[in-house]
N, C-alpha and C. Protein backbone atom coordinates (compact mmCIF):
# COMPACT_ATOMS: atom_id res chain seq x y z
N MET A 1 172.74 106.38 113.06
CA MET A 1 173.13 105.11 112.47
C MET A 1 172.41 104.87 111.14
N TRP A 2 171.09 105.09 111.13
CA TRP A 2 170.32 104.86 109.90
C TRP A 2 170.78 105.78 108.78
N ALA A 3 171.16 107.00 109.13
CA ALA A 3 171.61 107.95 108.11
C ALA A 3 172.84 107.41 107.39
N TRP A 4 173.75 106.79 108.13
CA TRP A 4 174.96 106.25 107.50
C TRP A 4 174.64 105.06 106.61
N ILE A 5 173.72 104.22 107.03
CA ILE A 5 173.32 103.08 106.19
C ILE A 5 172.66 103.58 104.91
N ILE A 6 171.77 104.56 105.04
CA ILE A 6 171.12 105.15 103.86
C ILE A 6 172.17 105.78 102.94
N LEU A 7 173.14 106.45 103.53
CA LEU A 7 174.19 107.09 102.73
C LEU A 7 175.00 106.06 101.94
N ILE A 8 175.38 104.97 102.57
CA ILE A 8 176.16 103.93 101.89
C ILE A 8 175.35 103.30 100.77
N VAL A 9 174.08 102.98 101.04
CA VAL A 9 173.21 102.41 100.01
C VAL A 9 173.05 103.40 98.85
N SER A 10 172.93 104.67 99.17
CA SER A 10 172.83 105.70 98.13
C SER A 10 174.10 105.76 97.30
N GLY A 11 175.24 105.57 97.93
CA GLY A 11 176.50 105.51 97.20
C GLY A 11 176.56 104.32 96.27
N VAL A 12 176.00 103.20 96.69
CA VAL A 12 175.92 102.02 95.81
C VAL A 12 175.07 102.36 94.59
N PHE A 13 173.96 103.03 94.80
CA PHE A 13 173.10 103.41 93.68
C PHE A 13 173.77 104.47 92.79
N GLU A 14 174.70 105.24 93.36
CA GLU A 14 175.47 106.15 92.51
C GLU A 14 176.29 105.35 91.51
N ALA A 15 176.89 104.26 91.98
CA ALA A 15 177.65 103.39 91.07
C ALA A 15 176.74 102.78 90.01
N VAL A 16 175.52 102.43 90.41
CA VAL A 16 174.55 101.86 89.46
C VAL A 16 174.25 102.87 88.36
N TRP A 17 173.89 104.11 88.76
CA TRP A 17 173.52 105.07 87.71
C TRP A 17 174.71 105.49 86.87
N ALA A 18 175.89 105.58 87.47
CA ALA A 18 177.08 105.95 86.70
C ALA A 18 177.41 104.89 85.66
N THR A 19 177.32 103.63 86.06
CA THR A 19 177.58 102.54 85.13
C THR A 19 176.52 102.50 84.03
N ALA A 20 175.26 102.67 84.42
CA ALA A 20 174.17 102.67 83.43
C ALA A 20 174.30 103.85 82.47
N LEU A 21 174.76 104.99 82.97
CA LEU A 21 174.94 106.15 82.11
C LEU A 21 175.93 105.83 81.00
N GLY A 22 177.02 105.17 81.33
CA GLY A 22 178.00 104.78 80.31
C GLY A 22 177.42 103.80 79.31
N LYS A 23 176.61 102.88 79.81
CA LYS A 23 176.02 101.86 78.93
C LYS A 23 174.85 102.40 78.09
N SER A 24 174.32 103.57 78.47
CA SER A 24 173.18 104.13 77.73
C SER A 24 173.59 104.73 76.39
N GLU A 25 174.90 104.92 76.21
CA GLU A 25 175.44 105.50 74.97
C GLU A 25 174.71 106.79 74.61
N GLY A 26 174.76 107.73 75.55
CA GLY A 26 174.14 109.04 75.31
C GLY A 26 172.62 108.98 75.32
N PHE A 27 172.08 108.13 76.16
CA PHE A 27 170.63 107.94 76.31
C PHE A 27 169.98 107.40 75.03
N THR A 28 170.74 106.65 74.24
CA THR A 28 170.17 106.05 73.02
C THR A 28 169.71 104.62 73.24
N LYS A 29 170.07 104.02 74.37
CA LYS A 29 169.62 102.66 74.69
C LYS A 29 168.61 102.74 75.82
N LEU A 30 167.43 102.15 75.62
CA LEU A 30 166.31 102.30 76.54
C LEU A 30 166.61 101.80 77.94
N TRP A 31 166.97 100.52 78.11
CA TRP A 31 167.06 99.94 79.45
C TRP A 31 168.18 100.53 80.28
N PRO A 32 169.36 100.75 79.72
CA PRO A 32 170.36 101.45 80.53
C PRO A 32 169.92 102.86 80.93
N THR A 33 169.16 103.53 80.06
CA THR A 33 168.64 104.86 80.39
C THR A 33 167.64 104.78 81.53
N VAL A 34 166.78 103.76 81.51
CA VAL A 34 165.80 103.57 82.59
C VAL A 34 166.53 103.26 83.90
N VAL A 35 167.52 102.38 83.85
CA VAL A 35 168.29 102.05 85.06
C VAL A 35 169.00 103.30 85.57
N PHE A 36 169.54 104.11 84.67
CA PHE A 36 170.18 105.36 85.06
C PHE A 36 169.18 106.25 85.82
N ALA A 37 168.01 106.46 85.26
CA ALA A 37 167.03 107.37 85.86
C ALA A 37 166.57 106.88 87.23
N VAL A 38 166.28 105.59 87.34
CA VAL A 38 165.83 105.03 88.61
C VAL A 38 166.97 105.05 89.64
N GLY A 39 168.15 104.63 89.21
CA GLY A 39 169.31 104.64 90.11
C GLY A 39 169.65 106.03 90.59
N CYS A 40 169.55 107.00 89.70
CA CYS A 40 169.85 108.38 90.05
C CYS A 40 168.83 108.91 91.06
N ALA A 41 167.57 108.62 90.84
CA ALA A 41 166.52 109.08 91.76
C ALA A 41 166.71 108.48 93.16
N ILE A 42 166.99 107.18 93.20
CA ILE A 42 167.20 106.52 94.50
C ILE A 42 168.45 107.07 95.18
N SER A 43 169.52 107.22 94.40
CA SER A 43 170.77 107.72 94.95
C SER A 43 170.65 109.13 95.51
N MET A 44 170.06 110.02 94.73
CA MET A 44 169.91 111.41 95.17
C MET A 44 168.93 111.53 96.33
N GLY A 45 167.85 110.77 96.27
CA GLY A 45 166.87 110.79 97.36
C GLY A 45 167.48 110.31 98.66
N GLY A 46 168.24 109.23 98.60
CA GLY A 46 168.91 108.72 99.79
C GLY A 46 169.94 109.70 100.33
N LEU A 47 170.69 110.32 99.42
CA LEU A 47 171.66 111.32 99.85
C LEU A 47 170.95 112.46 100.58
N ALA A 48 169.85 112.92 100.02
CA ALA A 48 169.10 114.01 100.66
C ALA A 48 168.62 113.62 102.05
N LEU A 49 168.12 112.40 102.19
CA LEU A 49 167.68 111.92 103.51
C LEU A 49 168.84 111.84 104.49
N ALA A 50 169.95 111.28 104.04
CA ALA A 50 171.10 111.10 104.92
C ALA A 50 171.66 112.44 105.39
N LEU A 51 171.61 113.45 104.51
CA LEU A 51 172.19 114.75 104.87
C LEU A 51 171.36 115.51 105.90
N ARG A 52 170.22 114.96 106.29
CA ARG A 52 169.48 115.54 107.41
C ARG A 52 170.26 115.39 108.71
N ASP A 53 171.02 114.29 108.81
CA ASP A 53 171.72 113.97 110.06
C ASP A 53 173.25 113.96 109.94
N ILE A 54 173.76 114.01 108.73
CA ILE A 54 175.20 113.96 108.50
C ILE A 54 175.62 115.29 107.90
N PRO A 55 176.74 115.87 108.34
CA PRO A 55 177.20 117.12 107.74
C PRO A 55 177.37 116.97 106.22
N THR A 56 176.99 117.99 105.50
CA THR A 56 176.97 117.93 104.03
C THR A 56 178.32 117.55 103.45
N GLY A 57 179.37 118.19 103.87
CA GLY A 57 180.69 117.91 103.31
C GLY A 57 181.11 116.47 103.50
N THR A 58 180.95 115.97 104.70
CA THR A 58 181.31 114.58 105.00
C THR A 58 180.41 113.61 104.26
N GLY A 59 179.11 113.88 104.29
CA GLY A 59 178.16 113.00 103.61
C GLY A 59 178.40 112.92 102.12
N TYR A 60 178.65 114.07 101.51
CA TYR A 60 178.89 114.10 100.07
C TYR A 60 180.17 113.36 99.73
N ALA A 61 181.21 113.56 100.53
CA ALA A 61 182.49 112.87 100.29
C ALA A 61 182.32 111.36 100.38
N VAL A 62 181.59 110.90 101.37
CA VAL A 62 181.35 109.45 101.52
C VAL A 62 180.55 108.93 100.34
N TRP A 63 179.49 109.64 99.96
CA TRP A 63 178.63 109.23 98.85
C TRP A 63 179.43 109.10 97.56
N VAL A 64 180.24 110.12 97.27
CA VAL A 64 181.05 110.09 96.05
C VAL A 64 182.08 108.98 96.10
N ALA A 65 182.73 108.82 97.25
CA ALA A 65 183.77 107.80 97.37
C ALA A 65 183.20 106.39 97.18
N VAL A 66 182.06 106.13 97.79
CA VAL A 66 181.44 104.81 97.63
C VAL A 66 181.07 104.59 96.16
N GLY A 67 180.40 105.57 95.57
CA GLY A 67 179.98 105.43 94.18
C GLY A 67 181.14 105.32 93.22
N ALA A 68 182.13 106.18 93.35
CA ALA A 68 183.27 106.16 92.44
C ALA A 68 184.07 104.87 92.59
N SER A 69 184.30 104.46 93.83
CA SER A 69 185.07 103.23 94.06
C SER A 69 184.37 102.02 93.48
N LEU A 70 183.09 101.90 93.75
CA LEU A 70 182.35 100.74 93.22
C LEU A 70 182.25 100.77 91.71
N THR A 71 182.15 101.95 91.12
CA THR A 71 182.09 102.06 89.67
C THR A 71 183.39 101.55 89.05
N VAL A 72 184.52 101.96 89.61
CA VAL A 72 185.81 101.51 89.10
C VAL A 72 186.00 100.01 89.34
N ILE A 73 185.64 99.55 90.52
CA ILE A 73 185.77 98.12 90.83
C ILE A 73 184.94 97.28 89.87
N TYR A 74 183.70 97.70 89.62
CA TYR A 74 182.83 96.97 88.68
C TYR A 74 183.47 96.95 87.30
N ALA A 75 183.99 98.09 86.86
CA ALA A 75 184.61 98.16 85.53
C ALA A 75 185.83 97.25 85.44
N MET A 76 186.60 97.15 86.52
CA MET A 76 187.76 96.27 86.52
C MET A 76 187.34 94.80 86.52
N ILE A 77 186.30 94.47 87.29
CA ILE A 77 185.83 93.08 87.35
C ILE A 77 185.28 92.62 86.01
N THR A 78 184.57 93.52 85.32
CA THR A 78 183.96 93.15 84.03
C THR A 78 184.91 93.31 82.85
N GLY A 79 186.12 93.76 83.11
CA GLY A 79 187.10 93.89 82.04
C GLY A 79 186.97 95.16 81.22
N GLN A 80 186.12 96.08 81.63
CA GLN A 80 185.96 97.34 80.90
C GLN A 80 187.10 98.30 81.20
N GLU A 81 187.82 98.03 82.27
CA GLU A 81 188.94 98.88 82.67
C GLU A 81 190.05 97.97 83.18
N PRO A 82 191.28 98.26 82.82
CA PRO A 82 192.36 97.38 83.27
C PRO A 82 192.59 97.47 84.78
N VAL A 83 193.00 96.34 85.35
CA VAL A 83 193.31 96.28 86.78
C VAL A 83 194.79 96.57 86.96
N SER A 84 195.10 97.37 87.95
CA SER A 84 196.51 97.61 88.27
C SER A 84 196.65 97.79 89.77
N VAL A 85 197.84 97.52 90.25
CA VAL A 85 198.12 97.67 91.68
C VAL A 85 197.92 99.12 92.10
N ILE A 86 198.37 100.05 91.29
CA ILE A 86 198.24 101.46 91.65
C ILE A 86 196.78 101.87 91.76
N LYS A 87 195.92 101.39 90.86
CA LYS A 87 194.49 101.71 90.95
C LYS A 87 193.90 101.17 92.24
N ILE A 88 194.26 99.95 92.57
CA ILE A 88 193.74 99.34 93.80
C ILE A 88 194.23 100.13 95.02
N LEU A 89 195.49 100.53 95.03
CA LEU A 89 196.02 101.32 96.15
C LEU A 89 195.32 102.68 96.24
N LEU A 90 195.07 103.31 95.11
CA LEU A 90 194.38 104.60 95.12
C LEU A 90 192.94 104.46 95.61
N LEU A 91 192.26 103.39 95.21
CA LEU A 91 190.90 103.15 95.70
C LEU A 91 190.91 102.93 97.21
N LEU A 92 191.89 102.18 97.70
CA LEU A 92 192.02 101.99 99.15
C LEU A 92 192.28 103.32 99.84
N GLY A 93 193.04 104.19 99.18
CA GLY A 93 193.29 105.52 99.73
C GLY A 93 192.02 106.34 99.85
N ILE A 94 191.17 106.27 98.82
CA ILE A 94 189.88 106.98 98.87
C ILE A 94 189.06 106.48 100.04
N VAL A 95 188.95 105.17 100.15
CA VAL A 95 188.16 104.58 101.23
C VAL A 95 188.75 104.95 102.59
N GLY A 96 190.06 104.90 102.71
CA GLY A 96 190.71 105.27 103.97
C GLY A 96 190.46 106.72 104.35
N CYS A 97 190.51 107.61 103.37
CA CYS A 97 190.25 109.03 103.64
C CYS A 97 188.81 109.26 104.09
N VAL A 98 187.88 108.56 103.49
CA VAL A 98 186.48 108.70 103.87
C VAL A 98 186.25 108.18 105.28
N ILE A 99 186.87 107.07 105.62
CA ILE A 99 186.76 106.55 106.98
C ILE A 99 187.35 107.58 107.96
N GLY A 100 188.46 108.18 107.57
CA GLY A 100 189.06 109.22 108.40
C GLY A 100 188.13 110.41 108.60
N LEU A 101 187.45 110.84 107.53
CA LEU A 101 186.48 111.93 107.66
C LEU A 101 185.38 111.57 108.64
N LYS A 102 184.90 110.36 108.57
CA LYS A 102 183.84 109.91 109.48
C LYS A 102 184.34 109.94 110.92
N LEU A 103 185.52 109.41 111.15
CA LEU A 103 186.06 109.34 112.51
C LEU A 103 186.36 110.73 113.07
N VAL A 104 186.97 111.58 112.28
CA VAL A 104 187.29 112.93 112.73
C VAL A 104 186.02 113.75 112.92
N GLY A 105 185.07 113.60 112.02
CA GLY A 105 183.84 114.38 112.08
C GLY A 105 183.03 114.11 113.34
N ASP A 106 183.11 112.93 113.88
CA ASP A 106 182.35 112.59 115.08
C ASP A 106 182.95 113.20 116.35
N HIS A 107 184.22 113.57 116.31
CA HIS A 107 184.89 114.03 117.52
C HIS A 107 185.37 115.47 117.44
N GLU A 108 185.16 116.09 116.33
CA GLU A 108 185.68 117.44 116.12
C GLU A 108 184.66 118.48 116.53
N THR A 109 185.13 119.57 117.11
CA THR A 109 184.25 120.67 117.43
C THR A 109 184.33 121.70 116.30
N PRO A 110 183.18 122.25 115.88
CA PRO A 110 183.20 123.19 114.76
C PRO A 110 183.92 124.49 115.11
N VAL A 111 184.57 125.06 114.12
CA VAL A 111 185.23 126.35 114.28
C VAL A 111 184.24 127.44 113.91
N ALA A 112 184.14 128.44 114.76
CA ALA A 112 183.16 129.51 114.53
C ALA A 112 183.58 130.42 113.41
């Protein structure tokens, strides 16, 4: 259970560092660069911890999906990216697929 919570929080920090990376303008702005570095360290560290108990493929997919979805949502909320029905449906698709990976992964037996 804790591994999944750590993984989700790490995905949130992925969105933080990805957003800060864009705002750093190629690492030319100090504070966005600092936020990027700290967010990246927290995100990667949490991912590494979570992958002790979660299969790598599933964990990585969840981490990326959380980070990518939140990055796009933040950009749409702040007006940096246009909002569209298709984008919202595609984001819901990403989230749905990740939930499916979690559900299938818990009940599936590995193939030798």
